[in-house]
Every structure is written in structure tokens, then in C-alpha cells.
Amino acid sequence: MNFKSKLFISIAGLYVMTTGTVKYIEFINTKINETYLSRFTRDDEVNAYKESAPQFYLPITSSPAVTPEKTASTKIPHATLVLHGFTVGPNNFHLLLDSMKQKQMPYYAPLLTGFGLQDFHISQHVVASDWLRDAVHAYDLLSEVADKVSIVGHSNGGVLACLLAQIRPVHKLVLISPNLAPCDDDKGTKKLLSTPIISTILKWAHPITRTNDRPRRTLYSDLSDLKEGEQAFSQTSISLQSLQALWTLQDQVDFKKIKTDSLFVLYGAQDLAVDTKAGLKKLNDSGLIYKTFVYSGSAHAPHVDSDRNRVNEDLIDILTDQN
């Protein structure tokens, strides 16, 4: 056997071994995700989970003064677009949405592309514009029935809310733990995934990764309430492609272009998932005027964490305040 043949066999063997390792890691991380999500209700007809379904509420008035003809030509005064964060779904806002329904407050909470599914066939190809398109379409639908649209966005949903406020009129912009800047643990990975050739190699070698591969992080949802964290619907594994899309969105926000009647930022003091201080600095540097709410007992999702009752009361107050 000559040198070229030996070299070819060696390269082929290395390729097969590497590919096998990649597929094995992908298989393990996918199974871990499936095992965690097995506690939720599978909807095999649509390859998803019922807990991740979009949620919409529009109260129907029983007033005799409202006729079908009048309803068709008259918009409601106000509706709220609710945008979930990375790895979760609309059900992450179940406490807020339940309260809004009880108070007959219209809302739409869409499911962003690639989330809430039983596999990663979509998220491995998702790009930032997919999520922005989801948000824009959802906003435009609400604006067809409401004179004013407010937005509540959590984490990556907060980033989308900011991007929407650059291109659509927003009544109240409410950001919950917005992912406006990466935490120290994520800065290195973001830099690598922002480098063209390296990002391609990484996404091939490690397409599916764990969401809790973070120092000091013990729960998939980064909550201080352990019981709530164990019950929360959240993907325990994600595609690197979706992570790249998340950071692409982050870099697209131009804070000086944000237009809103009022801006609010709510966050937990124990948040490990985002750099809240750096995010607030970006808002300050842009000259935006905003009001903050800080919850000492909560982490990245205060609306479902230890301070959840107070957080959701504050959210209702913000959305119903006529000022």
C-alpha cells in the first residue's frame, strides 16, 4: 500500500470517527431534552407540546349597544403582544396571561420559530430574521384590532420587543430581564459564533448543546425557586444555530431608534443568564427614559420566580395605567 492510500485511509478513518462522535453527542443531548420534556403533554399531530402552544385572548362584549356591523369597523382601545424568551414558550407567561384574561385584557402570545418542538429540525436552521418576522406579523395582526399595542418581552423576547419598537409604534414597552448584553460566561462563545469560519466548524462539531453548561447555573430556567424551576417548560438542549441567531438579534438593536410612549424594565437581582448592568448602561447611553422594577428574590424570569405575585401585579398595573 503506497503513501497516498495510507493517507486516504487515515483521513477517512478520522472523518468517520469524528462524525460518529458528533452524532453521539447530538443523540445524547437530544435524549436529555426529550427526557426532561416527557413530563409535559406531547401533541404528536403537530410535533410539539401543548404547553408551548400560542395563546390569544380577545374578550367578546355582551353589550347590546355593539352590533356586528359596528364591531367590524371599530377597534378595541388597547392590546398587548407577549413575547417569550429563549428555550421556553408562551406558557412561560401563564400567570400573567391568566390575570389578563380575568381582567378581560386582550393579548396575543405567539410561539417563536423553532421552539416548543420535539426535535431540532427547525432550530438548526433558524436565523434572526425568522424571529423578527414572527414578532412583526404578530404585532401587525394585533394592530388590525387594536388602536394601541403594548409589548411585554422576556429575555430574547425583550430584544425582539426593542427591535419592534424601532419599526412599529409601541404604546408601552415592557422588558423583563432583557438579553441586551451577554453575561461574562457567554461572551467567549458569542465571539466564536460571530467568527465566520470558526462558527461553521463549531456548528458542525457540536450542533446540539446543553442549556445548563454554565458555571453556577443549576436549573435549566435560571430560577431561584427550585420547585418552579423543576416544573417550568423549557428546552434543556438547544442548537448552536439558534444561539447564533439570538446574539445576532442582540447586535441589531439600535437603542436610539426605539420609539415608545413609555418604557419599563423589570429584572431579578439574582439573574445569571444576562448582564443586566451592561444592558441598562446601553439604555442610559441612548438617552432613553425608563422606569425599573427590581426583585431581590428572583433570577432570570421574575414573573414565574419567587417574586411572581408582585411581578405580575406590577405588570397588570403598568398595562392598565392610563398615563
Protein backbone atom coordinates (compact mmCIF):
# COMPACT_ATOMS: atom_id res chain seq x y z
CA MET A 1 0.00 0.00 0.00
CA ASN A 2 1.51 3.31 -1.06
CA PHE A 3 1.67 6.51 0.96
CA LYS A 4 -1.35 8.14 -0.74
CA SER A 5 -3.54 5.14 0.01
CA LYS A 6 -2.47 5.11 3.65
CA LEU A 7 -3.10 8.85 3.92
CA PHE A 8 -6.56 8.50 2.39
CA ILE A 9 -7.47 5.64 4.75
CA SER A 10 -6.21 7.64 7.75
CA ILE A 11 -8.20 10.73 6.76
CA ALA A 12 -11.31 8.66 6.06
CA GLY A 13 -10.98 6.89 9.39
CA LEU A 14 -10.54 10.17 11.23
CA TYR A 15 -13.60 11.62 9.47
CA VAL A 16 -15.75 8.60 10.35
CA MET A 17 -14.60 8.65 13.97
CA THR A 18 -15.18 12.41 14.31
CA THR A 19 -18.59 12.24 12.64
CA GLY A 20 -19.58 9.35 14.86
CA THR A 21 -18.56 11.29 17.97
CA VAL A 22 -20.52 14.35 16.82
CA LYS A 23 -23.63 12.28 16.16
CA TYR A 24 -23.30 10.52 19.50
CA ILE A 25 -23.09 13.81 21.43
CA GLU A 26 -26.03 15.14 19.43
CA PHE A 27 -28.00 11.98 20.23
CA ILE A 28 -27.23 12.23 23.97
CA ASN A 29 -28.20 15.92 24.23
CA THR A 30 -31.38 15.28 22.25
CA LYS A 31 -32.34 12.41 24.55
CA ILE A 32 -31.68 14.55 27.65
CA ASN A 33 -34.01 17.17 26.21
CA GLU A 34 -36.69 14.56 25.42
CA THR A 35 -36.42 13.08 28.92
CA TYR A 36 -36.95 16.44 30.60
CA LEU A 37 -39.86 17.36 28.32
CA SER A 38 -41.55 13.98 28.84
CA ARG A 39 -43.30 15.48 31.88
CA PHE A 40 -45.27 17.74 29.54
CA THR A 41 -48.11 16.92 27.13
CA ARG A 42 -46.95 15.80 23.70
CA ASP A 43 -49.02 16.80 20.68
CA ASP A 44 -47.77 14.31 18.10
CA GLU A 45 -50.12 15.61 15.41
CA VAL A 46 -48.03 18.78 15.15
CA ASN A 47 -44.71 17.52 16.58
CA ALA A 48 -44.96 19.86 19.58
CA TYR A 49 -46.08 20.18 23.20
CA LYS A 50 -49.44 21.56 24.23
CA GLU A 51 -47.78 23.73 26.88
CA SER A 52 -45.93 25.60 24.11
CA ALA A 53 -48.99 26.49 22.03
CA PRO A 54 -49.61 30.15 21.07
CA GLN A 55 -52.17 31.93 23.23
CA PHE A 56 -54.69 34.55 22.16
CA TYR A 57 -57.46 36.31 24.03
CA LEU A 58 -59.96 38.85 22.76
CA PRO A 59 -62.92 39.47 25.07
CA ILE A 60 -66.33 39.44 23.41
CA THR A 61 -68.57 42.20 24.70
CA SER A 62 -72.16 41.34 25.57
CA SER A 63 -73.30 44.95 25.37
CA PRO A 64 -76.46 45.30 23.28
CA ALA A 65 -75.14 48.62 22.01
CA VAL A 66 -72.44 46.80 20.00
CA THR A 67 -73.70 45.40 16.69
CA PRO A 68 -71.77 43.11 14.31
CA GLU A 69 -71.52 46.00 11.85
CA LYS A 70 -70.05 48.30 14.47
CA THR A 71 -67.67 45.64 15.79
CA ALA A 72 -66.29 45.06 12.29
CA SER A 73 -65.39 48.73 11.87
CA THR A 74 -64.30 49.65 15.39
CA LYS A 75 -61.00 48.72 17.01
CA ILE A 76 -60.53 47.97 20.68
CA PRO A 77 -58.52 50.63 22.54
CA HIS A 78 -55.53 48.51 23.57
CA ALA A 79 -53.97 45.05 23.22
CA THR A 80 -50.71 43.50 24.38
CA LEU A 81 -48.20 41.43 22.45
CA VAL A 82 -46.37 39.00 24.76
CA LEU A 83 -43.03 37.64 23.51
CA HIS A 84 -41.43 34.67 25.24
CA GLY A 85 -37.71 34.13 25.78
CA PHE A 86 -35.10 31.67 24.57
CA THR A 87 -35.80 27.91 25.12
CA VAL A 88 -39.31 28.46 26.53
CA GLY A 89 -42.74 29.30 25.07
CA PRO A 90 -45.89 31.36 25.66
CA ASN A 91 -46.76 29.23 28.71
CA ASN A 92 -43.84 30.88 30.49
CA PHE A 93 -46.28 33.78 30.94
CA HIS A 94 -49.14 31.63 32.25
CA LEU A 95 -49.59 33.67 35.45
CA LEU A 96 -49.67 36.98 33.60
CA LEU A 97 -51.95 35.68 30.85
CA ASP A 98 -54.37 34.20 33.38
CA SER A 99 -54.56 37.54 35.17
CA MET A 100 -55.06 39.41 31.90
CA LYS A 101 -57.87 37.10 30.88
CA GLN A 102 -59.60 37.55 34.25
CA LYS A 103 -59.43 41.31 33.73
CA GLN A 104 -60.53 41.00 30.09
CA MET A 105 -57.30 42.45 28.73
CA PRO A 106 -56.69 41.41 25.09
CA TYR A 107 -53.38 39.74 24.27
CA TYR A 108 -51.53 37.58 21.79
CA ALA A 109 -48.60 35.40 22.83
CA PRO A 110 -47.11 33.73 19.72
CA LEU A 111 -44.70 30.80 19.63
CA LEU A 112 -41.40 31.77 18.03
CA THR A 113 -39.97 29.63 15.22
CA GLY A 114 -38.11 26.50 16.37
CA PHE A 115 -39.24 26.46 20.00
CA GLY A 116 -41.66 24.12 21.74
CA LEU A 117 -41.00 21.23 19.36
CA GLN A 118 -40.00 17.62 19.95
CA ASP A 119 -36.85 17.90 17.83
CA PHE A 120 -34.36 20.42 16.41
CA HIS A 121 -35.00 20.14 12.66
CA ILE A 122 -36.13 23.80 12.54
CA SER A 123 -33.92 25.38 15.18
CA GLN A 124 -30.81 24.01 13.46
CA HIS A 125 -31.64 26.28 10.53
CA VAL A 126 -33.29 29.25 12.26
CA VAL A 127 -31.90 32.75 11.67
CA ALA A 128 -32.53 36.03 13.48
CA SER A 129 -34.93 37.32 10.83
CA ASP A 130 -37.25 34.33 11.46
CA TRP A 131 -37.97 35.50 14.99
CA LEU A 132 -38.25 39.14 13.98
CA ARG A 133 -40.73 38.14 11.28
CA ASP A 134 -42.75 36.19 13.87
CA ALA A 135 -42.88 39.29 16.07
CA VAL A 136 -43.72 41.71 13.26
CA HIS A 137 -46.53 39.51 11.94
CA ALA A 138 -47.94 39.10 15.45
CA TYR A 139 -47.81 42.85 16.04
CA ASP A 140 -49.47 43.60 12.71
CA LEU A 141 -52.30 41.17 13.48
CA LEU A 142 -52.95 42.85 16.82
CA SER A 143 -52.80 46.32 15.29
CA GLU A 144 -55.65 45.28 12.99
CA VAL A 145 -57.96 45.01 16.00
CA ALA A 146 -56.40 47.48 18.48
CA ASP A 147 -55.69 51.22 18.31
CA LYS A 148 -52.66 50.86 20.59
CA VAL A 149 -50.34 47.90 21.02
CA SER A 150 -48.07 47.40 24.02
CA ILE A 151 -45.33 44.77 24.15
CA VAL A 152 -44.14 42.63 27.03
CA GLY A 153 -40.94 40.77 26.19
CA HIS A 154 -38.84 38.46 28.34
CA SER A 155 -35.13 37.83 27.72
CA ASN A 156 -34.73 37.31 23.96
CA GLY A 157 -38.35 38.40 23.66
CA GLY A 158 -37.22 41.69 25.19
CA VAL A 159 -34.68 42.09 22.40
CA LEU A 160 -37.39 41.42 19.83
CA ALA A 161 -39.59 43.98 21.59
CA CYS A 162 -36.84 46.59 21.21
CA LEU A 163 -36.44 45.78 17.52
CA LEU A 164 -40.19 46.06 17.02
CA ALA A 165 -40.18 49.46 18.74
CA GLN A 166 -37.69 50.61 16.09
CA ILE A 167 -40.11 49.90 13.23
CA ARG A 168 -43.61 49.95 14.76
CA PRO A 169 -45.39 52.36 17.14
CA VAL A 170 -45.41 50.87 20.64
CA HIS A 171 -47.60 52.20 23.42
CA LYS A 172 -45.87 50.61 26.42
CA LEU A 173 -42.61 48.74 26.04
CA VAL A 174 -42.11 46.36 28.96
CA LEU A 175 -38.81 44.47 29.12
CA ILE A 176 -38.40 41.62 31.60
CA SER A 177 -34.75 40.61 32.12
CA PRO A 178 -33.98 41.67 28.53
CA ASN A 179 -30.98 39.95 26.95
CA LEU A 180 -29.44 43.22 25.78
CA ALA A 181 -25.89 42.16 26.65
CA PRO A 182 -24.30 38.72 27.17
CA CYS A 183 -23.14 37.69 30.63
CA ASP A 184 -19.44 37.05 31.17
CA ASP A 185 -19.93 33.28 30.80
CA ASP A 186 -21.32 33.73 27.27
CA LYS A 187 -19.02 36.38 25.83
CA GLY A 188 -16.42 33.90 24.61
CA THR A 189 -18.98 31.67 22.89
CA LYS A 190 -20.64 34.68 21.29
CA LYS A 191 -17.30 35.82 19.88
CA LEU A 192 -16.59 32.37 18.43
CA LEU A 193 -20.05 32.08 16.85
CA SER A 194 -19.60 35.56 15.38
CA THR A 195 -16.45 34.45 13.55
CA PRO A 196 -17.49 33.01 10.13
CA ILE A 197 -15.19 30.01 9.66
CA ILE A 198 -15.00 29.09 13.33
CA SER A 199 -18.78 29.27 13.75
CA THR A 200 -19.29 26.88 10.82
CA ILE A 201 -16.87 24.37 12.35
CA LEU A 202 -18.47 24.67 15.79
CA LYS A 203 -22.00 24.19 14.46
CA TRP A 204 -20.86 21.06 12.61
CA ALA A 205 -18.85 19.62 15.50
CA HIS A 206 -21.33 20.42 18.27
CA PRO A 207 -24.74 21.17 16.68
CA ILE A 208 -26.80 20.47 19.81
CA THR A 209 -25.58 21.66 23.21
CA ARG A 210 -26.93 21.72 26.76
CA THR A 211 -28.55 24.89 28.09
CA ASN A 212 -27.19 24.47 31.60
CA ASP A 213 -23.50 24.30 30.66
CA ARG A 214 -22.90 27.44 32.71
CA PRO A 215 -20.88 27.88 35.90
CA ARG A 216 -23.10 28.40 38.95
CA ARG A 217 -26.24 27.54 36.98
CA THR A 218 -28.14 24.54 38.30
CA LEU A 219 -31.60 24.97 36.75
CA TYR A 220 -32.49 24.99 33.08
CA SER A 221 -34.71 28.06 33.60
CA ASP A 222 -32.33 30.01 35.89
CA LEU A 223 -34.91 30.44 38.67
CA SER A 224 -34.24 30.90 42.38
CA ASP A 225 -37.45 28.99 43.15
CA LEU A 226 -36.33 25.37 42.82
CA LYS A 227 -39.85 23.91 42.70
CA GLU A 228 -40.98 26.27 39.95
CA GLY A 229 -37.74 25.62 38.07
CA GLU A 230 -38.37 21.88 38.03
CA GLN A 231 -41.88 22.41 36.64
CA ALA A 232 -41.10 25.07 34.06
CA PHE A 233 -41.46 24.22 30.38
CA SER A 234 -38.00 24.78 28.91
CA GLN A 235 -35.75 23.02 26.44
CA THR A 236 -32.69 21.58 28.16
CA SER A 237 -30.76 21.39 24.89
CA ILE A 238 -30.50 23.91 22.07
CA SER A 239 -28.90 24.20 18.65
CA LEU A 240 -25.81 26.37 18.26
CA GLN A 241 -27.52 27.83 15.21
CA SER A 242 -30.32 29.21 17.39
CA LEU A 243 -27.76 30.58 19.84
CA GLN A 244 -26.04 32.38 16.97
CA ALA A 245 -29.42 33.80 15.91
CA LEU A 246 -30.02 35.07 19.45
CA TRP A 247 -26.76 37.01 19.53
CA THR A 248 -27.31 38.31 16.01
CA LEU A 249 -30.58 39.87 17.19
CA GLN A 250 -28.79 41.34 20.18
CA ASP A 251 -26.37 43.20 17.92
CA GLN A 252 -29.15 44.55 15.71
CA VAL A 253 -30.78 46.70 18.39
CA ASP A 254 -30.29 50.43 17.83
CA PHE A 255 -31.48 51.95 21.08
CA LYS A 256 -31.59 55.47 19.67
CA LYS A 257 -34.26 54.35 17.17
CA ILE A 258 -36.62 52.95 19.82
CA LYS A 259 -39.91 54.85 19.91
CA THR A 260 -42.40 54.18 22.70
CA ASP A 261 -44.80 56.16 24.87
CA SER A 262 -43.27 54.64 28.00
CA LEU A 263 -40.52 52.14 28.79
CA PHE A 264 -40.25 49.77 31.76
CA VAL A 265 -37.51 47.32 32.76
CA LEU A 266 -38.19 44.54 35.27
CA TYR A 267 -35.48 42.15 36.42
CA GLY A 268 -34.41 39.78 39.18
CA ALA A 269 -31.40 40.68 41.29
CA GLN A 270 -30.14 37.06 41.12
CA ASP A 271 -30.10 36.83 37.32
CA LEU A 272 -27.14 34.84 35.96
CA ALA A 273 -28.31 34.49 32.35
CA VAL A 274 -27.80 38.08 31.15
CA ASP A 275 -25.67 41.07 32.06
CA THR A 276 -28.38 43.38 33.38
CA LYS A 277 -25.95 46.13 34.36
CA ALA A 278 -24.48 46.29 30.84
CA GLY A 279 -27.98 46.25 29.33
CA LEU A 280 -29.13 49.18 31.48
CA LYS A 281 -25.98 51.07 30.53
CA LYS A 282 -26.94 50.73 26.86
CA LEU A 283 -30.35 52.20 27.63
CA ASN A 284 -28.78 55.03 29.62
CA ASP A 285 -26.22 55.83 26.93
CA SER A 286 -29.00 56.10 24.36
CA GLY A 287 -30.82 58.70 26.42
CA LEU A 288 -33.98 56.60 26.85
CA ILE A 289 -36.14 57.40 29.86
CA TYR A 290 -37.42 54.31 31.66
CA LYS A 291 -38.63 53.01 35.00
CA THR A 292 -37.08 49.98 36.68
CA PHE A 293 -38.52 47.31 38.96
CA VAL A 294 -36.01 45.12 40.80
CA TYR A 295 -36.99 41.87 42.55
CA SER A 296 -34.46 40.72 45.13
CA GLY A 297 -35.68 37.12 45.42
CA SER A 298 -35.80 36.29 41.71
CA ALA A 299 -33.43 35.35 38.92
CA HIS A 300 -33.85 35.48 35.13
CA ALA A 301 -37.65 35.05 34.97
CA PRO A 302 -39.09 37.02 37.91
CA HIS A 303 -42.65 36.70 36.54
CA VAL A 304 -42.59 32.97 37.43
CA ASP A 305 -39.99 33.05 40.21
CA SER A 306 -40.10 33.74 43.95
CA ASP A 307 -41.48 37.28 43.48
CA ARG A 308 -44.00 36.21 40.83
CA ASN A 309 -47.12 37.52 42.58
CA ARG A 310 -45.70 41.01 42.98
CA VAL A 311 -44.18 40.98 39.48
CA ASN A 312 -47.46 40.09 37.81
CA GLU A 313 -49.34 42.66 39.86
CA ASP A 314 -46.82 45.26 38.70
CA LEU A 315 -47.23 44.13 35.08
CA ILE A 316 -51.01 44.47 35.27
CA ASP A 317 -50.66 47.92 36.84
CA ILE A 318 -48.27 49.01 34.09
CA LEU A 319 -50.52 47.79 31.31
CA THR A 320 -53.72 49.25 32.78
CA ASP A 321 -52.29 52.61 33.82
CA GLN A 322 -53.85 55.27 31.60
CA ASN A 323 -50.80 57.55 31.75
